[in-house]
Amino acid sequence: LRRSLEEAEMLANVEEDPGLLSRVLRAAVAAGTMQQL
C-alpha cells in the first residue's frame, strides 16, 4: 500500500488517473484499513 501510494503520487505529476488513485490510497492510509480503500 505505501509503495503504491508513493508511486501514484509521483505519477500524478504527469497523468490525471494516478492522482485520483493517490487520493484514494491516502484515505486508506489515514483510515488504516483496506476496507476503506
Full PDB file with SEQRES, HELIX, SHEET, SSBOND, CRYST1, ORIGX, SCALE, CONECT and MASTER records, all heavy atoms in Angstrom:
SEQRES   1 A   37  LEU ARG ARG SER LEU GLU GLU ALA GLU MET LEU ALA ASN          
SEQRES   2 A   37  VAL GLU GLU ASP PRO GLY LEU LEU SER ARG VAL LEU ARG          
SEQRES   3 A   37  ALA ALA VAL ALA ALA GLY THR MET GLN GLN LEU                  
HELIX    1 AA1 ARG A    2  LEU A   11  1                                  10    
HELIX    2 AA2 GLU A   16  ALA A   31  1                                  16    
CRYST1    1.000    1.000    1.000  90.00  90.00  90.00 P 1           1          
ORIGX1      1.000000  0.000000  0.000000        0.00000                         
ORIGX2      0.000000  1.000000  0.000000        0.00000                         
ORIGX3      0.000000  0.000000  1.000000        0.00000                         
SCALE1      1.000000  0.000000  0.000000        0.00000                         
SCALE2      0.000000  1.000000  0.000000        0.00000                         
SCALE3      0.000000  0.000000  1.000000        0.00000                         
ATOM      1  N   LEU A   1       0.821  -1.212   0.000  1.00  0.00           N  
ATOM      2  CA  LEU A   1       0.000   0.000   0.000  1.00  0.00           C  
ATOM      3  C   LEU A   1       0.854   1.261   0.000  1.00  0.00           C  
ATOM      4  O   LEU A   1       0.661   2.156  -0.814  1.00  0.00           O  
ATOM      5  CB  LEU A   1      -0.955  -0.012   1.193  1.00  0.00           C  
ATOM      6  CG  LEU A   1      -1.859   1.189   1.348  1.00  0.00           C  
ATOM      7  CD1 LEU A   1      -2.770   1.340   0.132  1.00  0.00           C  
ATOM      8  CD2 LEU A   1      -2.689   1.077   2.613  1.00  0.00           C  
ATOM      9  N   ARG A   2       1.813   1.334   0.893  1.00  0.00           N  
ATOM     10  CA  ARG A   2       2.639   2.554   0.977  1.00  0.00           C  
ATOM     11  C   ARG A   2       3.452   2.776  -0.299  1.00  0.00           C  
ATOM     12  O   ARG A   2       3.551   3.886  -0.793  1.00  0.00           O  
ATOM     13  CB  ARG A   2       3.540   2.513   2.194  1.00  0.00           C  
ATOM     14  CG  ARG A   2       2.752   2.637   3.474  1.00  0.00           C  
ATOM     15  CD  ARG A   2       3.604   3.087   4.650  1.00  0.00           C  
ATOM     16  NE  ARG A   2       2.816   3.081   5.853  1.00  0.00           N  
ATOM     17  CZ  ARG A   2       2.000   4.068   6.222  1.00  0.00           C  
ATOM     18  NH1 ARG A   2       1.869   5.115   5.465  1.00  0.00           N  
ATOM     19  NH2 ARG A   2       1.305   3.985   7.340  1.00  0.00           N  
ATOM     20  N   ARG A   3       4.010   1.711  -0.836  1.00  0.00           N  
ATOM     21  CA  ARG A   3       4.786   1.857  -2.080  1.00  0.00           C  
ATOM     22  C   ARG A   3       3.866   2.291  -3.223  1.00  0.00           C  
ATOM     23  O   ARG A   3       4.234   3.129  -4.040  1.00  0.00           O  
ATOM     24  CB  ARG A   3       5.480   0.546  -2.424  1.00  0.00           C  
ATOM     25  CG  ARG A   3       6.299   0.656  -3.686  1.00  0.00           C  
ATOM     26  CD  ARG A   3       7.267  -0.490  -3.830  1.00  0.00           C  
ATOM     27  NE  ARG A   3       8.140  -0.195  -4.952  1.00  0.00           N  
ATOM     28  CZ  ARG A   3       8.361  -1.030  -5.927  1.00  0.00           C  
ATOM     29  NH1 ARG A   3       7.820  -2.220  -5.914  1.00  0.00           N  
ATOM     30  NH2 ARG A   3       9.156  -0.704  -6.915  1.00  0.00           N  
ATOM     31  N   SER A   4       2.674   1.723  -3.294  1.00  0.00           N  
ATOM     32  CA  SER A   4       1.723   2.100  -4.339  1.00  0.00           C  
ATOM     33  C   SER A   4       1.333   3.567  -4.199  1.00  0.00           C  
ATOM     34  O   SER A   4       1.208   4.283  -5.199  1.00  0.00           O  
ATOM     35  CB  SER A   4       0.479   1.219  -4.270  1.00  0.00           C  
ATOM     36  OG  SER A   4       0.818  -0.126  -4.493  1.00  0.00           O  
ATOM     37  N   LEU A   5       1.168   4.025  -2.972  1.00  0.00           N  
ATOM     38  CA  LEU A   5       0.834   5.420  -2.723  1.00  0.00           C  
ATOM     39  C   LEU A   5       1.961   6.330  -3.209  1.00  0.00           C  
ATOM     40  O   LEU A   5       1.720   7.317  -3.913  1.00  0.00           O  
ATOM     41  CB  LEU A   5       0.580   5.640  -1.229  1.00  0.00           C  
ATOM     42  CG  LEU A   5       0.377   7.083  -0.792  1.00  0.00           C  
ATOM     43  CD1 LEU A   5      -0.816   7.707  -1.502  1.00  0.00           C  
ATOM     44  CD2 LEU A   5       0.208   7.173   0.714  1.00  0.00           C  
ATOM     45  N   GLU A   6       3.192   5.990  -2.870  1.00  0.00           N  
ATOM     46  CA  GLU A   6       4.327   6.804  -3.298  1.00  0.00           C  
ATOM     47  C   GLU A   6       4.428   6.876  -4.824  1.00  0.00           C  
ATOM     48  O   GLU A   6       4.646   7.945  -5.394  1.00  0.00           O  
ATOM     49  CB  GLU A   6       5.624   6.246  -2.710  1.00  0.00           C  
ATOM     50  CG  GLU A   6       5.719   6.400  -1.204  1.00  0.00           C  
ATOM     51  CD  GLU A   6       6.841   5.596  -0.590  1.00  0.00           C  
ATOM     52  OE1 GLU A   6       7.593   4.925  -1.339  1.00  0.00           O  
ATOM     53  OE2 GLU A   6       6.963   5.623   0.651  1.00  0.00           O  
ATOM     54  N   GLU A   7       4.268   5.740  -5.480  1.00  0.00           N  
ATOM     55  CA  GLU A   7       4.352   5.722  -6.939  1.00  0.00           C  
ATOM     56  C   GLU A   7       3.200   6.494  -7.578  1.00  0.00           C  
ATOM     57  O   GLU A   7       3.400   7.227  -8.548  1.00  0.00           O  
ATOM     58  CB  GLU A   7       4.394   4.290  -7.458  1.00  0.00           C  
ATOM     59  CG  GLU A   7       5.711   3.602  -7.147  1.00  0.00           C  
ATOM     60  CD  GLU A   7       5.808   2.203  -7.732  1.00  0.00           C  
ATOM     61  OE1 GLU A   7       4.975   1.849  -8.590  1.00  0.00           O  
ATOM     62  OE2 GLU A   7       6.718   1.479  -7.334  1.00  0.00           O  
ATOM     63  N   ALA A   8       2.000   6.347  -7.030  1.00  0.00           N  
ATOM     64  CA  ALA A   8       0.852   7.078  -7.576  1.00  0.00           C  
ATOM     65  C   ALA A   8       1.051   8.585  -7.422  1.00  0.00           C  
ATOM     66  O   ALA A   8       0.726   9.355  -8.334  1.00  0.00           O  
ATOM     67  CB  ALA A   8      -0.435   6.629  -6.886  1.00  0.00           C  
ATOM     68  N   GLU A   9       1.604   9.014  -6.297  1.00  0.00           N  
ATOM     69  CA  GLU A   9       1.839  10.442  -6.098  1.00  0.00           C  
ATOM     70  C   GLU A   9       2.901  10.970  -7.060  1.00  0.00           C  
ATOM     71  O   GLU A   9       2.785  12.086  -7.566  1.00  0.00           O  
ATOM     72  CB  GLU A   9       2.200  10.722  -4.641  1.00  0.00           C  
ATOM     73  CG  GLU A   9       0.997  10.570  -3.733  1.00  0.00           C  
ATOM     74  CD  GLU A   9       1.295  10.768  -2.266  1.00  0.00           C  
ATOM     75  OE1 GLU A   9       2.474  10.666  -1.861  1.00  0.00           O  
ATOM     76  OE2 GLU A   9       0.333  11.021  -1.520  1.00  0.00           O  
ATOM     77  N   MET A  10       3.923  10.185  -7.346  1.00  0.00           N  
ATOM     78  CA  MET A  10       4.922  10.618  -8.330  1.00  0.00           C  
ATOM     79  C   MET A  10       4.306  10.710  -9.721  1.00  0.00           C  
ATOM     80  O   MET A  10       4.483  11.701 -10.429  1.00  0.00           O  
ATOM     81  CB  MET A  10       6.121   9.653  -8.357  1.00  0.00           C  
ATOM     82  CG  MET A  10       7.065   9.846  -7.208  1.00  0.00           C  
ATOM     83  SD  MET A  10       8.637   8.971  -7.433  1.00  0.00           S  
ATOM     84  CE  MET A  10       8.149   7.340  -7.865  1.00  0.00           C  
ATOM     85  N   LEU A  11       3.558   9.662 -10.113  1.00  0.00           N  
ATOM     86  CA  LEU A  11       2.950   9.637 -11.445  1.00  0.00           C  
ATOM     87  C   LEU A  11       1.877  10.711 -11.608  1.00  0.00           C  
ATOM     88  O   LEU A  11       1.596  11.144 -12.721  1.00  0.00           O  
ATOM     89  CB  LEU A  11       2.371   8.254 -11.744  1.00  0.00           C  
ATOM     90  CG  LEU A  11       3.395   7.155 -11.964  1.00  0.00           C  
ATOM     91  CD1 LEU A  11       2.706   5.793 -12.017  1.00  0.00           C  
ATOM     92  CD2 LEU A  11       4.183   7.400 -13.242  1.00  0.00           C  
ATOM     93  N   ALA A  12       1.287  11.163 -10.493  1.00  0.00           N  
ATOM     94  CA  ALA A  12       0.259  12.211 -10.558  1.00  0.00           C  
ATOM     95  C   ALA A  12       0.821  13.509 -11.114  1.00  0.00           C  
ATOM     96  O   ALA A  12       0.068  14.363 -11.576  1.00  0.00           O  
ATOM     97  CB  ALA A  12      -0.343  12.440  -9.178  1.00  0.00           C  
ATOM     98  N   ASN A  13       2.142  13.647 -11.108  1.00  0.00           N  
ATOM     99  CA  ASN A  13       2.762  14.846 -11.678  1.00  0.00           C  
ATOM    100  C   ASN A  13       2.675  14.884 -13.195  1.00  0.00           C  
ATOM    101  O   ASN A  13       2.867  15.939 -13.796  1.00  0.00           O  
ATOM    102  CB  ASN A  13       4.228  14.940 -11.244  1.00  0.00           C  
ATOM    103  CG  ASN A  13       4.351  15.191  -9.762  1.00  0.00           C  
ATOM    104  OD1 ASN A  13       3.649  16.027  -9.206  1.00  0.00           O  
ATOM    105  ND2 ASN A  13       5.241  14.460  -9.114  1.00  0.00           N  
ATOM    106  N   VAL A  14       2.420  13.734 -13.814  1.00  0.00           N  
ATOM    107  CA  VAL A  14       2.385  13.691 -15.279  1.00  0.00           C  
ATOM    108  C   VAL A  14       1.080  13.153 -15.854  1.00  0.00           C  
ATOM    109  O   VAL A  14       0.835  13.272 -17.044  1.00  0.00           O  
ATOM    110  CB  VAL A  14       3.580  12.878 -15.852  1.00  0.00           C  
ATOM    111  CG1 VAL A  14       4.893  13.601 -15.595  1.00  0.00           C  
ATOM    112  CG2 VAL A  14       3.614  11.466 -15.288  1.00  0.00           C  
ATOM    113  N   GLU A  15       0.223  12.533 -15.017  1.00  0.00           N  
ATOM    114  CA  GLU A  15      -1.031  11.967 -15.501  1.00  0.00           C  
ATOM    115  C   GLU A  15      -2.124  12.170 -14.455  1.00  0.00           C  
ATOM    116  O   GLU A  15      -1.844  12.189 -13.261  1.00  0.00           O  
ATOM    117  CB  GLU A  15      -0.883  10.464 -15.773  1.00  0.00           C  
ATOM    118  CG  GLU A  15       0.084  10.120 -16.881  1.00  0.00           C  
ATOM    119  CD  GLU A  15       0.213   8.619 -17.063  1.00  0.00           C  
ATOM    120  OE1 GLU A  15      -0.798   7.908 -16.877  1.00  0.00           O  
ATOM    121  OE2 GLU A  15       1.316   8.157 -17.363  1.00  0.00           O  
ATOM    122  N   GLU A  16      -3.386  12.263 -14.911  1.00  0.00           N  
ATOM    123  CA  GLU A  16      -4.500  12.510 -14.002  1.00  0.00           C  
ATOM    124  C   GLU A  16      -4.901  11.285 -13.176  1.00  0.00           C  
ATOM    125  O   GLU A  16      -5.109  11.387 -11.968  1.00  0.00           O  
ATOM    126  CB  GLU A  16      -5.721  12.981 -14.806  1.00  0.00           C  
ATOM    127  CG  GLU A  16      -6.941  13.226 -13.946  1.00  0.00           C  
ATOM    128  CD  GLU A  16      -8.183  13.547 -14.749  1.00  0.00           C  
ATOM    129  OE1 GLU A  16      -8.145  13.434 -15.990  1.00  0.00           O  
ATOM    130  OE2 GLU A  16      -9.186  13.892 -14.122  1.00  0.00           O  
ATOM    131  N   ASP A  17      -5.043  10.129 -13.792  1.00  0.00           N  
ATOM    132  CA  ASP A  17      -5.539   8.944 -13.083  1.00  0.00           C  
ATOM    133  C   ASP A  17      -4.717   8.574 -11.847  1.00  0.00           C  
ATOM    134  O   ASP A  17      -5.287   8.242 -10.805  1.00  0.00           O  
ATOM    135  CB  ASP A  17      -5.659   7.750 -14.023  1.00  0.00           C  
ATOM    136  CG  ASP A  17      -6.867   7.861 -14.944  1.00  0.00           C  
ATOM    137  OD1 ASP A  17      -7.760   8.688 -14.676  1.00  0.00           O  
ATOM    138  OD2 ASP A  17      -6.928   7.105 -15.926  1.00  0.00           O  
ATOM    139  N   PRO A  18      -3.380   8.609 -11.914  1.00  0.00           N  
ATOM    140  CA  PRO A  18      -2.634   8.298 -10.683  1.00  0.00           C  
ATOM    141  C   PRO A  18      -2.923   9.279  -9.550  1.00  0.00           C  
ATOM    142  O   PRO A  18      -2.858   8.915  -8.388  1.00  0.00           O  
ATOM    143  CB  PRO A  18      -1.168   8.372 -11.122  1.00  0.00           C  
ATOM    144  CG  PRO A  18      -1.210   8.103 -12.586  1.00  0.00           C  
ATOM    145  CD  PRO A  18      -2.491   8.735 -13.066  1.00  0.00           C  
ATOM    146  N   GLY A  19      -3.274  10.522  -9.895  1.00  0.00           N  
ATOM    147  CA  GLY A  19      -3.646  11.483  -8.865  1.00  0.00           C  
ATOM    148  C   GLY A  19      -4.909  11.053  -8.147  1.00  0.00           C  
ATOM    149  O   GLY A  19      -5.019  11.171  -6.923  1.00  0.00           O  
ATOM    150  N   LEU A  20      -5.879  10.554  -8.907  1.00  0.00           N  
ATOM    151  CA  LEU A  20      -7.099  10.037  -8.291  1.00  0.00           C  
ATOM    152  C   LEU A  20      -6.767   8.849  -7.387  1.00  0.00           C  
ATOM    153  O   LEU A  20      -7.259   8.743  -6.265  1.00  0.00           O  
ATOM    154  CB  LEU A  20      -8.100   9.609  -9.366  1.00  0.00           C  
ATOM    155  CG  LEU A  20      -8.631  10.699 -10.284  1.00  0.00           C  
ATOM    156  CD1 LEU A  20      -9.479  10.089 -11.395  1.00  0.00           C  
ATOM    157  CD2 LEU A  20      -9.437  11.712  -9.497  1.00  0.00           C  
ATOM    158  N   LEU A  21      -5.933   7.957  -7.882  1.00  0.00           N  
ATOM    159  CA  LEU A  21      -5.549   6.787  -7.096  1.00  0.00           C  
ATOM    160  C   LEU A  21      -4.804   7.202  -5.830  1.00  0.00           C  
ATOM    161  O   LEU A  21      -5.042   6.647  -4.752  1.00  0.00           O  
ATOM    162  CB  LEU A  21      -4.691   5.837  -7.932  1.00  0.00           C  
ATOM    163  CG  LEU A  21      -4.184   4.594  -7.208  1.00  0.00           C  
ATOM    164  CD1 LEU A  21      -5.349   3.735  -6.731  1.00  0.00           C  
ATOM    165  CD2 LEU A  21      -3.260   3.792  -8.113  1.00  0.00           C  
ATOM    166  N   SER A  22      -3.925   8.185  -5.935  1.00  0.00           N  
ATOM    167  CA  SER A  22      -3.167   8.593  -4.744  1.00  0.00           C  
ATOM    168  C   SER A  22      -4.092   9.144  -3.667  1.00  0.00           C  
ATOM    169  O   SER A  22      -3.870   8.894  -2.480  1.00  0.00           O  
ATOM    170  CB  SER A  22      -2.073   9.603  -5.105  1.00  0.00           C  
ATOM    171  OG  SER A  22      -2.620  10.857  -5.448  1.00  0.00           O  
ATOM    172  N   ARG A  23      -5.151   9.863  -4.061  1.00  0.00           N  
ATOM    173  CA  ARG A  23      -6.094  10.356  -3.056  1.00  0.00           C  
ATOM    174  C   ARG A  23      -6.832   9.189  -2.382  1.00  0.00           C  
ATOM    175  O   ARG A  23      -7.057   9.194  -1.173  1.00  0.00           O  
ATOM    176  CB  ARG A  23      -7.068  11.346  -3.692  1.00  0.00           C  
ATOM    177  CG  ARG A  23      -6.396  12.682  -3.997  1.00  0.00           C  
ATOM    178  CD  ARG A  23      -7.386  13.779  -4.283  1.00  0.00           C  
ATOM    179  NE  ARG A  23      -8.131  13.603  -5.518  1.00  0.00           N  
ATOM    180  CZ  ARG A  23      -7.676  13.906  -6.733  1.00  0.00           C  
ATOM    181  NH1 ARG A  23      -6.450  14.380  -6.879  1.00  0.00           N  
ATOM    182  NH2 ARG A  23      -8.434  13.750  -7.796  1.00  0.00           N  
ATOM    183  N   VAL A  24      -7.199   8.188  -3.157  1.00  0.00           N  
ATOM    184  CA  VAL A  24      -7.872   7.015  -2.601  1.00  0.00           C  
ATOM    185  C   VAL A  24      -6.928   6.274  -1.651  1.00  0.00           C  
ATOM    186  O   VAL A  24      -7.319   5.876  -0.543  1.00  0.00           O  
ATOM    187  CB  VAL A  24      -8.351   6.075  -3.735  1.00  0.00           C  
ATOM    188  CG1 VAL A  24      -8.805   4.741  -3.184  1.00  0.00           C  
ATOM    189  CG2 VAL A  24      -9.466   6.731  -4.531  1.00  0.00           C  
ATOM    190  N   LEU A  25      -5.690   6.093  -2.074  1.00  0.00           N  
ATOM    191  CA  LEU A  25      -4.725   5.387  -1.234  1.00  0.00           C  
ATOM    192  C   LEU A  25      -4.412   6.185   0.033  1.00  0.00           C  
ATOM    193  O   LEU A  25      -4.264   5.614   1.115  1.00  0.00           O  
ATOM    194  CB  LEU A  25      -3.449   5.096  -2.012  1.00  0.00           C  
ATOM    195  CG  LEU A  25      -3.588   4.102  -3.157  1.00  0.00           C  
ATOM    196  CD1 LEU A  25      -2.270   3.973  -3.902  1.00  0.00           C  
ATOM    197  CD2 LEU A  25      -4.072   2.749  -2.677  1.00  0.00           C  
ATOM    198  N   ARG A  26      -4.315   7.494  -0.089  1.00  0.00           N  
ATOM    199  CA  ARG A  26      -4.056   8.338   1.090  1.00  0.00           C  
ATOM    200  C   ARG A  26      -5.192   8.173   2.104  1.00  0.00           C  
ATOM    201  O   ARG A  26      -4.957   8.077   3.309  1.00  0.00           O  
ATOM    202  CB  ARG A  26      -3.912   9.790   0.652  1.00  0.00           C  
ATOM    203  CG  ARG A  26      -3.659  10.780   1.744  1.00  0.00           C  
ATOM    204  CD  ARG A  26      -2.337  10.705   2.425  1.00  0.00           C  
ATOM    205  NE  ARG A  26      -1.222  10.869   1.541  1.00  0.00           N  
ATOM    206  CZ  ARG A  26       0.007  10.473   1.851  1.00  0.00           C  
ATOM    207  NH1 ARG A  26       0.243   9.906   3.011  1.00  0.00           N  
ATOM    208  NH2 ARG A  26       0.999  10.624   1.016  1.00  0.00           N  
ATOM    209  N   ALA A  27      -6.441   8.119   1.618  1.00  0.00           N  
ATOM    210  CA  ALA A  27      -7.585   7.910   2.516  1.00  0.00           C  
ATOM    211  C   ALA A  27      -7.480   6.558   3.211  1.00  0.00           C  
ATOM    212  O   ALA A  27      -7.796   6.436   4.396  1.00  0.00           O  
ATOM    213  CB  ALA A  27      -8.897   8.013   1.732  1.00  0.00           C  
ATOM    214  N   ALA A  28      -7.014   5.537   2.494  1.00  0.00           N  
ATOM    215  CA  ALA A  28      -6.864   4.210   3.086  1.00  0.00           C  
ATOM    216  C   ALA A  28      -5.789   4.214   4.161  1.00  0.00           C  
ATOM    217  O   ALA A  28      -5.950   3.593   5.213  1.00  0.00           O  
ATOM    218  CB  ALA A  28      -6.548   3.184   2.008  1.00  0.00           C  
ATOM    219  N   VAL A  29      -4.696   4.926   3.913  1.00  0.00           N  
ATOM    220  CA  VAL A  29      -3.633   5.006   4.909  1.00  0.00           C  
ATOM    221  C   VAL A  29      -4.145   5.733   6.148  1.00  0.00           C  
ATOM    222  O   VAL A  29      -3.918   5.295   7.280  1.00  0.00           O  
ATOM    223  CB  VAL A  29      -2.388   5.707   4.326  1.00  0.00           C  
ATOM    224  CG1 VAL A  29      -1.385   6.035   5.411  1.00  0.00           C  
ATOM    225  CG2 VAL A  29      -1.745   4.834   3.259  1.00  0.00           C  
ATOM    226  N   ALA A  30      -4.860   6.834   5.946  1.00  0.00           N  
ATOM    227  CA  ALA A  30      -5.389   7.604   7.076  1.00  0.00           C  
ATOM    228  C   ALA A  30      -6.363   6.764   7.898  1.00  0.00           C  
ATOM    229  O   ALA A  30      -6.373   6.836   9.131  1.00  0.00           O  
ATOM    230  CB  ALA A  30      -6.072   8.875   6.576  1.00  0.00           C  
ATOM    231  N   ALA A  31      -7.180   5.976   7.216  1.00  0.00           N  
ATOM    232  CA  ALA A  31      -8.157   5.141   7.913  1.00  0.00           C  
ATOM    233  C   ALA A  31      -7.510   3.903   8.522  1.00  0.00           C  
ATOM    234  O   ALA A  31      -8.050   3.310   9.455  1.00  0.00           O  
ATOM    235  CB  ALA A  31      -9.263   4.714   6.946  1.00  0.00           C  
ATOM    236  N   GLY A  32      -6.376   3.492   7.962  1.00  0.00           N  
ATOM    237  CA  GLY A  32      -5.680   2.324   8.484  1.00  0.00           C  
ATOM    238  C   GLY A  32      -6.295   0.998   8.093  1.00  0.00           C  
ATOM    239  O   GLY A  32      -5.973  -0.016   8.677  1.00  0.00           O  
ATOM    240  N   THR A  33      -7.202   1.001   7.122  1.00  0.00           N  
ATOM    241  CA  THR A  33      -7.837  -0.254   6.723  1.00  0.00           C  
ATOM    242  C   THR A  33      -7.924  -0.371   5.221  1.00  0.00           C  
ATOM    243  O   THR A  33      -8.065   0.608   4.498  1.00  0.00           O  
ATOM    244  CB  THR A  33      -9.265  -0.372   7.277  1.00  0.00           C  
ATOM    245  OG1 THR A  33     -10.075   0.618   6.661  1.00  0.00           O  
ATOM    246  CG2 THR A  33      -9.302  -0.209   8.779  1.00  0.00           C  
ATOM    247  N   MET A  34      -7.874  -1.582   4.735  1.00  0.00           N  
ATOM    248  CA  MET A  34      -8.073  -1.823   3.307  1.00  0.00           C  
ATOM    249  C   MET A  34      -9.550  -1.728   2.964  1.00  0.00           C  
ATOM    250  O   MET A  34      -9.908  -1.475   1.833  1.00  0.00           O  
ATOM    251  CB  MET A  34      -7.500  -3.180   2.909  1.00  0.00           C  
ATOM    252  CG  MET A  34      -5.991  -3.236   3.007  1.00  0.00           C  
ATOM    253  SD  MET A  34      -5.153  -1.917   2.083  1.00  0.00           S  
ATOM    254  CE  MET A  34      -5.540  -2.426   0.421  1.00  0.00           C  
ATOM    255  N   GLN A  35     -10.443  -1.921   3.956  1.00  0.00           N  
ATOM    256  CA  GLN A  35     -11.875  -1.789   3.674  1.00  0.00           C  
ATOM    257  C   GLN A  35     -12.185  -0.362   3.245  1.00  0.00           C  
ATOM    258  O   GLN A  35     -12.981  -0.133   2.341  1.00  0.00           O  
ATOM    259  CB  GLN A  35     -12.710  -2.172   4.907  1.00  0.00           C  
ATOM    260  CG  GLN A  35     -14.204  -2.148   4.647  1.00  0.00           C  
ATOM    261  CD  GLN A  35     -14.612  -3.102   3.518  1.00  0.00           C  
ATOM    262  OE1 GLN A  35     -14.183  -4.243   3.492  1.00  0.00           O  
ATOM    263  NE2 GLN A  35     -15.409  -2.628   2.597  1.00  0.00           N  
ATOM    264  N   GLN A  36     -11.542   0.606   3.879  1.00  0.00           N  
ATOM    265  CA  GLN A  36     -11.731   1.998   3.479  1.00  0.00           C  
ATOM    266  C   GLN A  36     -11.316   2.184   2.023  1.00  0.00           C  
ATOM    267  O   GLN A  36     -11.971   2.870   1.264  1.00  0.00           O  
ATOM    268  CB  GLN A  36     -10.917   2.931   4.391  1.00  0.00           C  
ATOM    269  CG  GLN A  36     -11.006   4.393   4.011  1.00  0.00           C  
ATOM    270  CD  GLN A  36     -12.386   4.974   4.246  1.00  0.00           C  
ATOM    271  OE1 GLN A  36     -13.132   4.479   5.082  1.00  0.00           O  
ATOM    272  NE2 GLN A  36     -12.733   5.996   3.507  1.00  0.00           N  
ATOM    273  N   LEU A  37     -10.233   1.536   1.643  1.00  0.00           N  
ATOM    274  CA  LEU A  37      -9.786   1.610   0.253  1.00  0.00           C  
ATOM    275  C   LEU A  37     -10.864   1.072  -0.679  1.00  0.00           C  
ATOM    276  O   LEU A  37     -11.196   1.687  -1.686  1.00  0.00           O  
ATOM    277  CB  LEU A  37      -8.488   0.829   0.069  1.00  0.00           C  
ATOM    278  CG  LEU A  37      -7.952   0.718  -1.359  1.00  0.00           C  
ATOM    279  CD1 LEU A  37      -7.615   2.091  -1.910  1.00  0.00           C  
ATOM    280  CD2 LEU A  37      -6.753  -0.183  -1.411  1.00  0.00           C  
TER     281      LEU A  37                                                      
MASTER        0    0    0    2    0    0    0    6  280    1    0    3          
END                                                                             
